[in-house]
Amino acid sequence: MLSALIASSLFGRGLAVADSCAEEAPSAVAFLQTKIELPERVALVQEPGSSVLVGSAAEKINAMMTQMKKKWDEEAFWGSGLEIPSKVPGCGTATARELQMNIPTWQRLNPGQRGFCHFNNFGFWFPAIPVDDYTSYATESQSVSADIPNPTGGMCQSFGAVDGPEVSIAWDGLNFTWTHARDCIDVVDDPYCYSMGWLKGQNLDGALMNNKTAWHLLAKSECQKIQDEFQFVDEELTVGRHVESTPIYFQRTWCALSGECPAVTRRIHKEHTMSKCQLGAESGEYAASEMAYCYYKACVLPGNRVGHSHECK
């Protein structure tokens, strides 16, 4: 069942036009017999004023992101949904078949069901329990725990609030400089939240978090802005696509620093958010939890520098 957010032109369907090719495509057999040559990893090198890395900063970014890549690639962590049952009774009962259903259709067929709860077995980061106090995200572990150096960490090594490298990043017309990129979650999620405009010091009024209704209304407005800008069609908004495409924005963010593939785009970031907007539309939450996470995740300081934790007080 579509909410007030999903109206008329919102999530309207569009047509894609395939590119044509003048030359005849090789046969499938010929393709399979062709050895694919993969390029060697490009070394991270940063010149003054560039957003590409140098020296110890490159080594640290490469170390943390290589560890994270093992999680999403070899260990397929983001695809381990059914192996991680929901800890919330009654939640996490989604089937693999439901992953392909676009979210508006699923909502129409399951009126009154809270999507974040139902799909919690696949999106185990979804807020299975409705949030009563969004200021609780101020103590969310990723906001503060990465300050402490940790050679193993959850997803990767943390270099901490002191030894994390000062790094500049640029993507899709946006840019900022970290005071300290502490770990891989900083590397992938700070640009994501910056693209949303949701870091502390950007576009959100954090005082509204004290009023859940007001925060939900703001979330609805923010989601509408995203949809107005990119006009996502329903088929782009499935839980399966949301989950399985998450490593894409991770890798493409790393590429914004390494230069070895195209940098992440604002559209990639906002598609990720829009799935949560739609999943929370039925309950009126929209992406309220995501906004709170980003607001406390990091902050924009003078000089377009991004800091964390104690720097954001």
C-alpha atoms as a PDB file:
ATOM      1  CA  MET A   1       0.000   0.000   0.000  1.00  0.00           C
ATOM      2  CA  LEU A   2       1.519   3.269  -1.039  1.00  0.00           C
ATOM      3  CA  SER A   3       1.850   6.032   1.518  1.00  0.00           C
ATOM      4  CA  ALA A   4       1.332   9.743   1.060  1.00  0.00           C
ATOM      5  CA  LEU A   5       4.919   9.934  -0.127  1.00  0.00           C
ATOM      6  CA  ILE A   6       4.180   7.634  -3.024  1.00  0.00           C
ATOM      7  CA  ALA A   7       1.733   9.675  -5.060  1.00  0.00           C
ATOM      8  CA  SER A   8       1.001  10.324  -8.714  1.00  0.00           C
ATOM      9  CA  SER A   9       4.365  10.848 -10.414  1.00  0.00           C
ATOM     10  CA  LEU A  10       6.389   9.426  -7.520  1.00  0.00           C
ATOM     11  CA  PHE A  11       7.874   6.121  -8.566  1.00  0.00           C
ATOM     12  CA  GLY A  12       6.305   6.446 -11.993  1.00  0.00           C
ATOM     13  CA  ARG A  13       7.552   3.922 -14.435  1.00  0.00           C
ATOM     14  CA  GLY A  14      10.022   4.809 -17.164  1.00  0.00           C
ATOM     15  CA  LEU A  15      11.436   3.188 -20.276  1.00  0.00           C
ATOM     16  CA  ALA A  16      15.086   2.396 -20.836  1.00  0.00           C
ATOM     17  CA  VAL A  17      16.552   2.475 -24.346  1.00  0.00           C
ATOM     18  CA  ALA A  18      19.327  -0.002 -25.061  1.00  0.00           C
ATOM     19  CA  ASP A  19      22.497   1.165 -26.777  1.00  0.00           C
ATOM     20  CA  SER A  20      23.026  -0.168 -30.307  1.00  0.00           C
ATOM     21  CA  CYS A  21      26.299  -1.565 -31.595  1.00  0.00           C
ATOM     22  CA  ALA A  22      27.501  -1.439 -35.189  1.00  0.00           C
ATOM     23  CA  GLU A  23      29.658  -4.561 -34.906  1.00  0.00           C
ATOM     24  CA  GLU A  24      28.288  -8.045 -34.398  1.00  0.00           C
ATOM     25  CA  ALA A  25      28.685  -9.221 -30.790  1.00  0.00           C
ATOM     26  CA  PRO A  26      30.974 -12.251 -30.222  1.00  0.00           C
ATOM     27  CA  SER A  27      29.243 -15.548 -29.522  1.00  0.00           C
ATOM     28  CA  ALA A  28      28.777 -16.727 -25.949  1.00  0.00           C
ATOM     29  CA  VAL A  29      31.166 -19.635 -26.556  1.00  0.00           C
ATOM     30  CA  ALA A  30      33.887 -17.326 -27.866  1.00  0.00           C
ATOM     31  CA  PHE A  31      33.371 -15.044 -24.897  1.00  0.00           C
ATOM     32  CA  LEU A  32      33.703 -17.889 -22.405  1.00  0.00           C
ATOM     33  CA  GLN A  33      36.914 -19.036 -24.081  1.00  0.00           C
ATOM     34  CA  THR A  34      38.427 -15.586 -23.812  1.00  0.00           C
ATOM     35  CA  LYS A  35      40.732 -15.047 -20.857  1.00  0.00           C
ATOM     36  CA  ILE A  36      39.811 -11.866 -19.039  1.00  0.00           C
ATOM     37  CA  GLU A  37      42.879  -9.827 -18.162  1.00  0.00           C
ATOM     38  CA  LEU A  38      42.362  -7.854 -14.976  1.00  0.00           C
ATOM     39  CA  PRO A  39      44.453  -4.689 -14.494  1.00  0.00           C
ATOM     40  CA  GLU A  40      46.855  -4.542 -11.598  1.00  0.00           C
ATOM     41  CA  ARG A  41      45.713  -2.449  -8.651  1.00  0.00           C
ATOM     42  CA  VAL A  42      46.707   1.170  -9.143  1.00  0.00           C
ATOM     43  CA  ALA A  43      48.930   2.454  -6.364  1.00  0.00           C
ATOM     44  CA  LEU A  44      47.440   5.272  -4.346  1.00  0.00           C
ATOM     45  CA  VAL A  45      49.362   8.455  -4.999  1.00  0.00           C
ATOM     46  CA  GLN A  46      48.369  11.926  -3.834  1.00  0.00           C
ATOM     47  CA  GLU A  47      49.701  15.223  -5.096  1.00  0.00           C
ATOM     48  CA  PRO A  48      49.262  18.466  -3.114  1.00  0.00           C
ATOM     49  CA  GLY A  49      45.690  19.671  -3.454  1.00  0.00           C
ATOM     50  CA  SER A  50      44.575  16.348  -4.966  1.00  0.00           C
ATOM     51  CA  SER A  51      42.023  13.948  -3.532  1.00  0.00           C
ATOM     52  CA  VAL A  52      44.236  10.936  -4.270  1.00  0.00           C
ATOM     53  CA  LEU A  53      46.367   9.589  -1.459  1.00  0.00           C
ATOM     54  CA  VAL A  54      50.075   9.532  -0.670  1.00  0.00           C
ATOM     55  CA  GLY A  55      52.508   7.692   1.592  1.00  0.00           C
ATOM     56  CA  SER A  56      51.292   6.500   4.979  1.00  0.00           C
ATOM     57  CA  ALA A  57      47.776   7.827   4.298  1.00  0.00           C
ATOM     58  CA  ALA A  58      47.537   5.564   1.245  1.00  0.00           C
ATOM     59  CA  GLU A  59      48.818   2.606   3.231  1.00  0.00           C
ATOM     60  CA  LYS A  60      46.256   3.157   5.968  1.00  0.00           C
ATOM     61  CA  ILE A  61      43.308   3.622   3.593  1.00  0.00           C
ATOM     62  CA  ASN A  62      44.356   0.585   1.585  1.00  0.00           C
ATOM     63  CA  ALA A  63      44.751  -1.497   4.755  1.00  0.00           C
ATOM     64  CA  MET A  64      41.306  -0.712   6.131  1.00  0.00           C
ATOM     65  CA  MET A  65      39.504  -0.966   2.791  1.00  0.00           C
ATOM     66  CA  THR A  66      41.231  -4.221   1.833  1.00  0.00           C
ATOM     67  CA  GLN A  67      39.960  -5.706   5.083  1.00  0.00           C
ATOM     68  CA  MET A  68      36.457  -4.423   4.402  1.00  0.00           C
ATOM     69  CA  LYS A  69      36.527  -5.723   0.820  1.00  0.00           C
ATOM     70  CA  LYS A  70      37.251  -9.199   2.146  1.00  0.00           C
ATOM     71  CA  LYS A  71      34.057  -8.908   4.198  1.00  0.00           C
ATOM     72  CA  TRP A  72      31.857  -7.982   1.245  1.00  0.00           C
ATOM     73  CA  ASP A  73      33.649 -10.139  -1.341  1.00  0.00           C
ATOM     74  CA  GLU A  74      35.174 -13.362  -0.013  1.00  0.00           C
ATOM     75  CA  GLU A  75      32.917 -13.607   3.042  1.00  0.00           C
ATOM     76  CA  ALA A  76      29.800 -12.189   1.290  1.00  0.00           C
ATOM     77  CA  PHE A  77      28.822 -10.599   4.590  1.00  0.00           C
ATOM     78  CA  TRP A  78      26.085  -8.378   3.127  1.00  0.00           C
ATOM     79  CA  GLY A  79      24.472 -11.437   1.582  1.00  0.00           C
ATOM     80  CA  SER A  80      24.346 -13.480   4.787  1.00  0.00           C
ATOM     81  CA  GLY A  81      20.788 -12.461   5.673  1.00  0.00           C
ATOM     82  CA  LEU A  82      19.115 -15.806   6.334  1.00  0.00           C
ATOM     83  CA  GLU A  83      22.131 -16.920   8.367  1.00  0.00           C
ATOM     84  CA  ILE A  84      21.591 -14.069  10.851  1.00  0.00           C
ATOM     85  CA  PRO A  85      18.099 -14.465  12.338  1.00  0.00           C
ATOM     86  CA  SER A  86      16.453 -11.341  13.719  1.00  0.00           C
ATOM     87  CA  LYS A  87      16.835 -10.858  17.450  1.00  0.00           C
ATOM     88  CA  VAL A  88      13.408  -9.222  17.595  1.00  0.00           C
ATOM     89  CA  PRO A  89      10.449 -11.618  18.022  1.00  0.00           C
ATOM     90  CA  GLY A  90       8.119 -11.506  15.038  1.00  0.00           C
ATOM     91  CA  CYS A  91      10.644  -9.734  12.805  1.00  0.00           C
ATOM     92  CA  GLY A  92      12.933 -11.061  10.105  1.00  0.00           C
ATOM     93  CA  THR A  93      10.465 -13.387   8.391  1.00  0.00           C
ATOM     94  CA  ALA A  94      11.098 -12.258   4.799  1.00  0.00           C
ATOM     95  CA  THR A  95      11.643 -14.889   2.115  1.00  0.00           C
ATOM     96  CA  ALA A  96      14.193 -14.789  -0.675  1.00  0.00           C
ATOM     97  CA  ARG A  97      11.346 -14.389  -3.190  1.00  0.00           C
ATOM     98  CA  GLU A  98      10.246 -11.157  -1.500  1.00  0.00           C
ATOM     99  CA  LEU A  99      13.670  -9.630  -2.097  1.00  0.00           C
ATOM    100  CA  GLN A 100      12.837  -9.176  -5.782  1.00  0.00           C
ATOM    101  CA  MET A 101       9.440  -7.572  -5.185  1.00  0.00           C
ATOM    102  CA  ASN A 102       9.562  -3.833  -5.518  1.00  0.00           C
ATOM    103  CA  ILE A 103       8.808  -2.274  -2.154  1.00  0.00           C
ATOM    104  CA  PRO A 104       5.594  -0.431  -3.166  1.00  0.00           C
ATOM    105  CA  THR A 105       4.141  -3.724  -4.445  1.00  0.00           C
ATOM    106  CA  TRP A 106       5.151  -5.556  -1.276  1.00  0.00           C
ATOM    107  CA  GLN A 107       3.484  -2.845   0.804  1.00  0.00           C
ATOM    108  CA  ARG A 108       0.291  -3.088  -1.250  1.00  0.00           C
ATOM    109  CA  LEU A 109       0.170  -6.855  -0.701  1.00  0.00           C
ATOM    110  CA  ASN A 110       1.053  -6.608   2.992  1.00  0.00           C
ATOM    111  CA  PRO A 111      -0.851  -3.599   4.335  1.00  0.00           C
ATOM    112  CA  GLY A 112      -0.032  -2.613   7.887  1.00  0.00           C
ATOM    113  CA  GLN A 113       3.191  -4.651   8.067  1.00  0.00           C
ATOM    114  CA  ARG A 114       6.286  -2.719   9.084  1.00  0.00           C
ATOM    115  CA  GLY A 115       8.891  -3.311   6.387  1.00  0.00           C
ATOM    116  CA  PHE A 116      11.929  -2.624   8.560  1.00  0.00           C
ATOM    117  CA  CYS A 117      10.785  -5.403  10.906  1.00  0.00           C
ATOM    118  CA  HIS A 118       9.785  -7.909   8.218  1.00  0.00           C
ATOM    119  CA  PHE A 119      13.005  -7.645   6.186  1.00  0.00           C
ATOM    120  CA  ASN A 120      15.314  -7.481   9.214  1.00  0.00           C
ATOM    121  CA  ASN A 121      16.709 -10.945   8.480  1.00  0.00           C
ATOM    122  CA  PHE A 122      18.179  -9.671   5.211  1.00  0.00           C
ATOM    123  CA  GLY A 123      18.767  -6.041   6.148  1.00  0.00           C
ATOM    124  CA  PHE A 124      20.010  -6.746   9.658  1.00  0.00           C
ATOM    125  CA  TRP A 125      20.923  -3.057   9.980  1.00  0.00           C
ATOM    126  CA  PHE A 126      17.285  -2.032   9.537  1.00  0.00           C
ATOM    127  CA  PRO A 127      15.668  -0.627  12.720  1.00  0.00           C
ATOM    128  CA  ALA A 128      13.573  -3.688  13.578  1.00  0.00           C
ATOM    129  CA  ILE A 129      12.072  -1.921  16.594  1.00  0.00           C
ATOM    130  CA  PRO A 130      10.502   1.516  16.058  1.00  0.00           C
ATOM    131  CA  VAL A 131      12.718   4.276  17.453  1.00  0.00           C
ATOM    132  CA  ASP A 132      11.172   6.407  20.186  1.00  0.00           C
ATOM    133  CA  ASP A 133      14.179   8.638  20.860  1.00  0.00           C
ATOM    134  CA  TYR A 134      16.316   9.481  17.837  1.00  0.00           C
ATOM    135  CA  THR A 135      18.868  11.271  20.010  1.00  0.00           C
ATOM    136  CA  SER A 136      19.922   7.784  21.130  1.00  0.00           C
ATOM    137  CA  TYR A 137      21.956   7.615  17.921  1.00  0.00           C
ATOM    138  CA  ALA A 138      24.424   9.981  19.586  1.00  0.00           C
ATOM    139  CA  THR A 139      25.894   6.953  21.373  1.00  0.00           C
ATOM    140  CA  GLU A 140      25.697   4.635  18.361  1.00  0.00           C
ATOM    141  CA  SER A 141      28.873   2.579  18.382  1.00  0.00           C
ATOM    142  CA  GLN A 142      30.211   3.740  15.007  1.00  0.00           C
ATOM    143  CA  SER A 143      29.986   7.376  16.077  1.00  0.00           C
ATOM    144  CA  VAL A 144      32.358   6.935  19.003  1.00  0.00           C
ATOM    145  CA  SER A 145      34.079   3.530  19.054  1.00  0.00           C
ATOM    146  CA  ALA A 146      36.269   4.237  16.020  1.00  0.00           C
ATOM    147  CA  ASP A 147      38.072   6.912  18.065  1.00  0.00           C
ATOM    148  CA  ILE A 148      39.994   4.108  19.773  1.00  0.00           C
ATOM    149  CA  PRO A 149      42.719   2.395  17.707  1.00  0.00           C
ATOM    150  CA  ASN A 150      41.817  -1.231  17.094  1.00  0.00           C
ATOM    151  CA  PRO A 151      43.917  -3.547  14.894  1.00  0.00           C
ATOM    152  CA  THR A 152      40.948  -5.792  14.115  1.00  0.00           C
ATOM    153  CA  GLY A 153      37.734  -3.794  14.600  1.00  0.00           C
ATOM    154  CA  GLY A 154      34.358  -4.994  13.371  1.00  0.00           C
ATOM    155  CA  MET A 155      34.733  -4.583   9.612  1.00  0.00           C
ATOM    156  CA  CYS A 156      38.313  -3.373   9.517  1.00  0.00           C
ATOM    157  CA  GLN A 157      41.168  -1.875  11.463  1.00  0.00           C
ATOM    158  CA  SER A 158      40.635   1.491  13.151  1.00  0.00           C
ATOM    159  CA  PHE A 159      43.538   3.922  13.302  1.00  0.00           C
ATOM    160  CA  GLY A 160      41.669   6.047  15.803  1.00  0.00           C
ATOM    161  CA  ALA A 161      41.022   9.731  16.311  1.00  0.00           C
ATOM    162  CA  VAL A 162      44.725  10.618  16.413  1.00  0.00           C
ATOM    163  CA  ASP A 163      46.474   8.405  13.849  1.00  0.00           C
ATOM    164  CA  GLY A 164      43.654   8.252  11.328  1.00  0.00           C
ATOM    165  CA  PRO A 165      45.001  10.022   8.204  1.00  0.00           C
ATOM    166  CA  GLU A 166      43.982  13.496   7.066  1.00  0.00           C
ATOM    167  CA  VAL A 167      42.490  12.787   3.657  1.00  0.00           C
ATOM    168  CA  SER A 168      40.641  14.748   0.963  1.00  0.00           C
ATOM    169  CA  ILE A 169      37.998  13.092  -1.193  1.00  0.00           C
ATOM    170  CA  ALA A 170      36.065  14.323  -4.241  1.00  0.00           C
ATOM    171  CA  TRP A 171      33.122  12.721  -6.067  1.00  0.00           C
ATOM    172  CA  ASP A 172      30.334  13.860  -8.367  1.00  0.00           C
ATOM    173  CA  GLY A 173      30.887  17.579  -7.784  1.00  0.00           C
ATOM    174  CA  LEU A 174      31.263  17.248  -3.999  1.00  0.00           C
ATOM    175  CA  ASN A 175      34.367  17.194  -1.816  1.00  0.00           C
ATOM    176  CA  PHE A 176      35.623  17.502   1.746  1.00  0.00           C
ATOM    177  CA  THR A 177      38.697  16.752   3.863  1.00  0.00           C
ATOM    178  CA  TRP A 178      38.677  14.409   6.845  1.00  0.00           C
ATOM    179  CA  THR A 179      40.493  15.626   9.925  1.00  0.00           C
ATOM    180  CA  HIS A 180      41.070  11.921  10.588  1.00  0.00           C
ATOM    181  CA  ALA A 181      39.650   9.047   8.535  1.00  0.00           C
ATOM    182  CA  ARG A 182      39.558   6.578  11.380  1.00  0.00           C
ATOM    183  CA  ASP A 183      38.358   3.389   9.699  1.00  0.00           C
ATOM    184  CA  CYS A 184      36.595   1.945   6.652  1.00  0.00           C
ATOM    185  CA  ILE A 185      33.127   2.942   7.882  1.00  0.00           C
ATOM    186  CA  ASP A 186      34.260   6.569   7.949  1.00  0.00           C
ATOM    187  CA  VAL A 187      35.551   6.148   4.397  1.00  0.00           C
ATOM    188  CA  VAL A 188      32.312   4.753   2.964  1.00  0.00           C
ATOM    189  CA  ASP A 189      29.609   6.332   5.127  1.00  0.00           C
ATOM    190  CA  ASP A 190      30.842   9.887   5.630  1.00  0.00           C
ATOM    191  CA  PRO A 191      30.673  10.676   1.867  1.00  0.00           C
ATOM    192  CA  TYR A 192      27.309   8.883   1.731  1.00  0.00           C
ATOM    193  CA  CYS A 193      25.880  11.020   4.537  1.00  0.00           C
ATOM    194  CA  TYR A 194      27.498  14.137   3.028  1.00  0.00           C
ATOM    195  CA  SER A 195      25.726  13.414  -0.279  1.00  0.00           C
ATOM    196  CA  MET A 196      22.456  13.352   1.652  1.00  0.00           C
ATOM    197  CA  GLY A 197      23.288  16.659   3.355  1.00  0.00           C
ATOM    198  CA  TRP A 198      22.642  14.959   6.704  1.00  0.00           C
ATOM    199  CA  LEU A 199      25.919  15.341   8.586  1.00  0.00           C
ATOM    200  CA  LYS A 200      25.782  17.656  11.571  1.00  0.00           C
ATOM    201  CA  GLY A 201      26.502  21.155  10.288  1.00  0.00           C
ATOM    202  CA  GLN A 202      24.814  20.564   6.923  1.00  0.00           C
ATOM    203  CA  ASN A 203      21.064  20.801   6.319  1.00  0.00           C
ATOM    204  CA  LEU A 204      19.318  19.130   9.263  1.00  0.00           C
ATOM    205  CA  ASP A 205      17.916  20.797  12.368  1.00  0.00           C
ATOM    206  CA  GLY A 206      18.998  18.310  15.017  1.00  0.00           C
ATOM    207  CA  ALA A 207      16.712  19.898  17.605  1.00  0.00           C
ATOM    208  CA  LEU A 208      13.742  18.316  15.792  1.00  0.00           C
ATOM    209  CA  MET A 209      14.874  14.878  16.967  1.00  0.00           C
ATOM    210  CA  ASN A 210      13.351  15.692  20.345  1.00  0.00           C
ATOM    211  CA  ASN A 211       9.933  15.598  18.649  1.00  0.00           C
ATOM    212  CA  LYS A 212       9.410  12.272  16.869  1.00  0.00           C
ATOM    213  CA  THR A 213       6.507  13.559  14.801  1.00  0.00           C
ATOM    214  CA  ALA A 214       8.519  16.547  13.594  1.00  0.00           C
ATOM    215  CA  TRP A 215      11.506  14.325  12.783  1.00  0.00           C
ATOM    216  CA  HIS A 216       9.300  11.984  10.764  1.00  0.00           C
ATOM    217  CA  LEU A 217       7.834  14.901   8.837  1.00  0.00           C
ATOM    218  CA  LEU A 218      11.337  16.141   8.077  1.00  0.00           C
ATOM    219  CA  ALA A 219      12.292  12.653   6.903  1.00  0.00           C
ATOM    220  CA  LYS A 220       9.290  12.593   4.575  1.00  0.00           C
ATOM    221  CA  SER A 221      10.312  15.963   3.150  1.00  0.00           C
ATOM    222  CA  GLU A 222      13.927  14.848   2.645  1.00  0.00           C
ATOM    223  CA  CYS A 223      12.790  11.664   0.908  1.00  0.00           C
ATOM    224  CA  GLN A 224      10.529  13.648  -1.383  1.00  0.00           C
ATOM    225  CA  LYS A 225      13.483  15.854  -2.368  1.00  0.00           C
ATOM    226  CA  ILE A 226      15.504  12.771  -3.292  1.00  0.00           C
ATOM    227  CA  GLN A 227      12.690  11.375  -5.412  1.00  0.00           C
ATOM    228  CA  ASP A 228      12.063  14.723  -7.106  1.00  0.00           C
ATOM    229  CA  GLU A 229      15.734  14.893  -8.071  1.00  0.00           C
ATOM    230  CA  PHE A 230      16.282  11.377  -9.409  1.00  0.00           C
ATOM    231  CA  GLN A 231      12.825   9.970 -10.241  1.00  0.00           C
ATOM    232  CA  PHE A 232      13.546   6.390  -9.201  1.00  0.00           C
ATOM    233  CA  VAL A 233      11.185   3.800 -10.670  1.00  0.00           C
ATOM    234  CA  ASP A 234       9.632   1.100  -8.499  1.00  0.00           C
ATOM    235  CA  GLU A 235      11.872  -1.641  -9.894  1.00  0.00           C
ATOM    236  CA  GLU A 236      14.957   0.155  -8.590  1.00  0.00           C
ATOM    237  CA  LEU A 237      13.560  -0.062  -5.068  1.00  0.00           C
ATOM    238  CA  THR A 238      13.724  -3.641  -3.859  1.00  0.00           C
ATOM    239  CA  VAL A 239      15.248  -4.920  -0.647  1.00  0.00           C
ATOM    240  CA  GLY A 240      17.350  -7.371  -2.660  1.00  0.00           C
ATOM    241  CA  ARG A 241      18.856  -4.607  -4.786  1.00  0.00           C
ATOM    242  CA  HIS A 242      19.391  -2.467  -1.693  1.00  0.00           C
ATOM    243  CA  VAL A 243      21.268  -5.209   0.131  1.00  0.00           C
ATOM    244  CA  GLU A 244      23.315  -6.603  -2.732  1.00  0.00           C
ATOM    245  CA  SER A 245      24.294  -3.222  -4.193  1.00  0.00           C
ATOM    246  CA  THR A 246      25.659  -1.891  -0.903  1.00  0.00           C
ATOM    247  CA  PRO A 247      29.235  -3.044  -1.708  1.00  0.00           C
ATOM    248  CA  ILE A 248      29.024  -1.060  -4.958  1.00  0.00           C
ATOM    249  CA  TYR A 249      28.928   2.244  -3.138  1.00  0.00           C
ATOM    250  CA  PHE A 250      31.689   0.967  -0.866  1.00  0.00           C
ATOM    251  CA  GLN A 251      33.997   0.080  -3.787  1.00  0.00           C
ATOM    252  CA  ARG A 252      33.156   3.187  -5.801  1.00  0.00           C
ATOM    253  CA  THR A 253      33.933   5.370  -2.763  1.00  0.00           C
ATOM    254  CA  TRP A 254      37.317   3.682  -2.448  1.00  0.00           C
ATOM    255  CA  CYS A 255      37.786   4.426  -6.136  1.00  0.00           C
ATOM    256  CA  ALA A 256      37.215   8.115  -5.437  1.00  0.00           C
ATOM    257  CA  LEU A 257      40.501   7.902  -3.518  1.00  0.00           C
ATOM    258  CA  SER A 258      42.410   5.384  -5.623  1.00  0.00           C
ATOM    259  CA  GLY A 259      41.326   6.464  -9.106  1.00  0.00           C
ATOM    260  CA  GLU A 260      41.167   2.852 -10.277  1.00  0.00           C
ATOM    261  CA  CYS A 261      37.483   2.944 -11.239  1.00  0.00           C
ATOM    262  CA  PRO A 262      34.816   5.651 -11.567  1.00  0.00           C
ATOM    263  CA  ALA A 263      34.083   7.437  -8.315  1.00  0.00           C
ATOM    264  CA  VAL A 264      30.805   6.948  -6.486  1.00  0.00           C
ATOM    265  CA  THR A 265      27.918   9.194  -7.549  1.00  0.00           C
ATOM    266  CA  ARG A 266      25.207  11.043  -5.686  1.00  0.00           C
ATOM    267  CA  ARG A 267      22.623   8.903  -7.460  1.00  0.00           C
ATOM    268  CA  ILE A 268      24.174   5.692  -6.131  1.00  0.00           C
ATOM    269  CA  HIS A 269      24.092   7.133  -2.627  1.00  0.00           C
ATOM    270  CA  LYS A 270      20.539   8.386  -2.921  1.00  0.00           C
ATOM    271  CA  GLU A 271      19.171   5.175  -4.387  1.00  0.00           C
ATOM    272  CA  HIS A 272      20.461   3.441  -1.279  1.00  0.00           C
ATOM    273  CA  THR A 273      18.613   5.942   0.883  1.00  0.00           C
ATOM    274  CA  MET A 274      15.478   5.933  -1.243  1.00  0.00           C
ATOM    275  CA  SER A 275      14.922   2.236  -0.588  1.00  0.00           C
ATOM    276  CA  LYS A 276      14.797   3.042   3.113  1.00  0.00           C
ATOM    277  CA  CYS A 277      12.530   6.007   2.443  1.00  0.00           C
ATOM    278  CA  GLN A 278      10.069   3.710   0.711  1.00  0.00           C
ATOM    279  CA  LEU A 279      10.421   0.875   3.218  1.00  0.00           C
ATOM    280  CA  GLY A 280       9.556   3.268   6.038  1.00  0.00           C
ATOM    281  CA  ALA A 281       6.799   5.123   4.176  1.00  0.00           C
ATOM    282  CA  GLU A 282       4.003   2.790   5.315  1.00  0.00           C
ATOM    283  CA  SER A 283       4.793   3.357   9.001  1.00  0.00           C
ATOM    284  CA  GLY A 284       5.465   7.093   8.575  1.00  0.00           C
ATOM    285  CA  GLU A 285       9.137   6.740   9.553  1.00  0.00           C
ATOM    286  CA  TYR A 286      10.595   7.111   6.074  1.00  0.00           C
ATOM    287  CA  ALA A 287      14.404   7.415   6.531  1.00  0.00           C
ATOM    288  CA  ALA A 288      14.247   9.004  10.003  1.00  0.00           C
ATOM    289  CA  SER A 289      16.719   6.512  11.482  1.00  0.00           C
ATOM    290  CA  GLU A 290      19.168   7.031   8.625  1.00  0.00           C
ATOM    291  CA  MET A 291      19.012  10.793   9.149  1.00  0.00           C
ATOM    292  CA  ALA A 292      19.765  10.402  12.865  1.00  0.00           C
ATOM    293  CA  TYR A 293      22.633   7.998  12.124  1.00  0.00           C
ATOM    294  CA  CYS A 294      24.214  10.456   9.678  1.00  0.00           C
ATOM    295  CA  TYR A 295      23.693  13.462  11.939  1.00  0.00           C
ATOM    296  CA  TYR A 296      25.667  11.840  14.737  1.00  0.00           C
ATOM    297  CA  LYS A 297      28.076   9.926  12.491  1.00  0.00           C
ATOM    298  CA  ALA A 298      30.197  12.987  11.683  1.00  0.00           C
ATOM    299  CA  CYS A 299      30.074  16.756  11.348  1.00  0.00           C
ATOM    300  CA  VAL A 300      31.132  19.420   8.863  1.00  0.00           C
ATOM    301  CA  LEU A 301      33.603  21.833  10.441  1.00  0.00           C
ATOM    302  CA  PRO A 302      34.892  25.210   9.171  1.00  0.00           C
ATOM    303  CA  GLY A 303      36.914  24.862   5.990  1.00  0.00           C
ATOM    304  CA  ASN A 304      34.666  22.021   4.764  1.00  0.00           C
ATOM    305  CA  ARG A 305      36.479  19.572   6.993  1.00  0.00           C
ATOM    306  CA  VAL A 306      34.703  16.485   8.376  1.00  0.00           C
ATOM    307  CA  GLY A 307      35.313  15.489  11.969  1.00  0.00           C
ATOM    308  CA  HIS A 308      33.908  12.971  14.426  1.00  0.00           C
ATOM    309  CA  SER A 309      32.901  12.419  18.014  1.00  0.00           C
ATOM    310  CA  HIS A 310      34.491  15.015  20.326  1.00  0.00           C
ATOM    311  CA  GLU A 311      35.148  17.310  17.319  1.00  0.00           C
ATOM    312  CA  CYS A 312      31.387  17.629  16.782  1.00  0.00           C
ATOM    313  CA  LYS A 313      30.375  18.847  20.264  1.00  0.00           C
END
